[in-house]
Amino acid sequence: MPSFKIDLSTAVVFVATPPVPKLVSKQTGERAMDRETGAPLSTVGLMISDDGEANLHQVTIPETGYSEGLKPGFPVTVTGLKARDWENTFNGQTRHGISFRATAITAMV
């Protein structure tokens, strides 16, 4: 599926929730890995505010794309943010949504 670049040039971005490991299965604890690089993946909550509107997005990022210590309230810059739509069927129920992925999240000092 194609992905779409998101322009954050006029947005203000803050950490809403700190990075946590992204799991393939909560039952087994298996960690999700980047298919291209093999790096472990994490998920971080970002509050993105632009044009008078703020939204909370869960963004997947490689563990190598952020530094330790990202905490709620930290202003950050986001590199390579993309959105991708998804759909899956499990037990006869179809679910769909939009997933977000970035290559790096850097705390602004």
Protein backbone atom coordinates (compact mmCIF):
# COMPACT_ATOMS: atom_id res chain seq x y z
CA MET A 1 0.00 0.00 0.00
CA PRO A 2 1.27 3.48 -0.72
CA SER A 3 2.22 5.86 2.04
CA PHE A 4 1.88 9.62 2.11
CA LYS A 5 4.35 12.17 3.46
CA ILE A 6 3.02 14.51 6.13
CA ASP A 7 4.26 18.11 6.12
CA LEU A 8 4.92 19.31 9.67
CA SER A 9 6.67 22.55 8.66
CA THR A 10 3.98 24.73 10.31
CA ALA A 11 3.05 22.34 13.13
CA VAL A 12 4.08 22.26 16.79
CA VAL A 13 4.75 18.72 18.03
CA PHE A 14 5.01 17.50 21.63
CA VAL A 15 5.52 14.08 23.17
CA ALA A 16 2.21 12.91 24.65
CA THR A 17 3.32 9.43 25.75
CA PRO A 18 6.90 8.12 25.97
CA PRO A 19 8.17 5.43 23.58
CA VAL A 20 7.17 1.86 24.39
CA PRO A 21 8.19 -1.33 22.58
CA LYS A 22 5.84 -2.28 19.74
CA LEU A 23 4.78 -5.90 20.08
CA VAL A 24 3.70 -8.40 17.44
CA SER A 25 1.90 -10.40 20.11
CA LYS A 26 1.02 -9.35 23.64
CA GLN A 27 0.67 -13.02 24.59
CA THR A 28 4.22 -14.00 23.60
CA GLY A 29 5.88 -10.61 24.08
CA GLU A 30 7.41 -10.87 20.60
CA ARG A 31 8.82 -7.50 19.54
CA ALA A 32 7.93 -5.95 16.16
CA MET A 33 10.95 -5.44 13.91
CA ASP A 34 11.54 -3.13 10.96
CA ARG A 35 11.35 -5.25 7.80
CA GLU A 36 14.06 -3.29 6.00
CA THR A 37 16.66 -2.70 8.72
CA GLY A 38 15.82 -5.33 11.32
CA ALA A 39 15.74 -2.65 14.06
CA PRO A 40 13.26 -3.12 16.93
CA LEU A 41 10.22 -0.84 16.68
CA SER A 42 8.64 1.37 19.32
CA THR A 43 5.49 3.46 19.48
CA VAL A 44 5.35 7.03 20.79
CA GLY A 45 2.31 9.25 21.26
CA LEU A 46 2.66 12.67 19.65
CA MET A 47 0.41 15.70 20.02
CA ILE A 48 0.50 17.51 16.69
CA SER A 49 -0.97 21.01 16.63
CA ASP A 50 -1.49 23.01 13.44
CA ASP A 51 -4.01 25.59 12.21
CA GLY A 52 -5.73 25.78 15.59
CA GLU A 53 -6.36 22.04 15.80
CA ALA A 54 -4.48 19.44 17.84
CA ASN A 55 -4.53 15.68 17.37
CA LEU A 56 -2.95 12.78 19.21
CA HIS A 57 -1.27 10.18 16.98
CA GLN A 58 0.52 6.96 17.86
CA VAL A 59 3.66 6.91 15.70
CA THR A 60 5.82 3.86 15.04
CA ILE A 61 9.54 4.54 15.00
CA PRO A 62 12.69 2.40 14.91
CA GLU A 63 14.42 2.19 18.29
CA THR A 64 17.47 3.77 16.62
CA GLY A 65 15.37 6.84 15.63
CA TYR A 66 15.04 8.45 19.05
CA SER A 67 17.15 9.12 22.11
CA GLU A 68 16.48 7.95 25.65
CA GLY A 69 14.53 10.24 27.92
CA LEU A 70 11.70 11.46 25.67
CA LYS A 71 9.02 12.48 28.16
CA PRO A 72 5.50 13.89 27.91
CA GLY A 73 5.53 17.61 27.23
CA PHE A 74 8.88 17.67 25.41
CA PRO A 75 8.73 19.63 22.15
CA VAL A 76 10.17 17.53 19.32
CA THR A 77 10.96 17.57 15.64
CA VAL A 78 9.81 14.63 13.55
CA THR A 79 11.70 13.40 10.51
CA GLY A 80 10.10 11.41 7.71
CA LEU A 81 6.54 11.20 9.03
CA LYS A 82 4.29 9.17 6.73
CA ALA A 83 0.71 7.93 6.90
CA ARG A 84 -0.56 4.65 5.48
CA ASP A 85 -4.08 3.27 5.42
CA TRP A 86 -4.62 -0.32 6.50
CA GLU A 87 -7.37 -2.91 6.62
CA ASN A 88 -7.54 -6.43 8.03
CA THR A 89 -10.15 -9.06 8.78
CA PHE A 90 -9.99 -11.13 11.95
CA ASN A 91 -12.71 -13.54 13.07
CA GLY A 92 -15.04 -12.18 10.40
CA GLN A 93 -14.69 -8.56 11.50
CA THR A 94 -13.06 -6.04 9.19
CA ARG A 95 -11.07 -3.26 10.80
CA HIS A 96 -9.39 -0.31 9.11
CA GLY A 97 -7.50 2.82 9.98
CA ILE A 98 -4.44 4.93 9.37
CA SER A 99 -1.00 4.11 10.75
CA PHE A 100 1.79 6.64 11.20
CA ARG A 101 5.51 5.99 10.88
CA ALA A 102 8.58 8.24 11.27
CA THR A 103 12.28 7.72 10.80
CA ALA A 104 13.36 9.95 13.71
CA ILE A 105 12.03 11.96 16.64
CA THR A 106 14.43 14.51 18.12
CA ALA A 107 13.92 16.51 21.32
CA MET A 108 14.23 20.25 20.80
CA VAL A 109 16.69 21.74 23.25
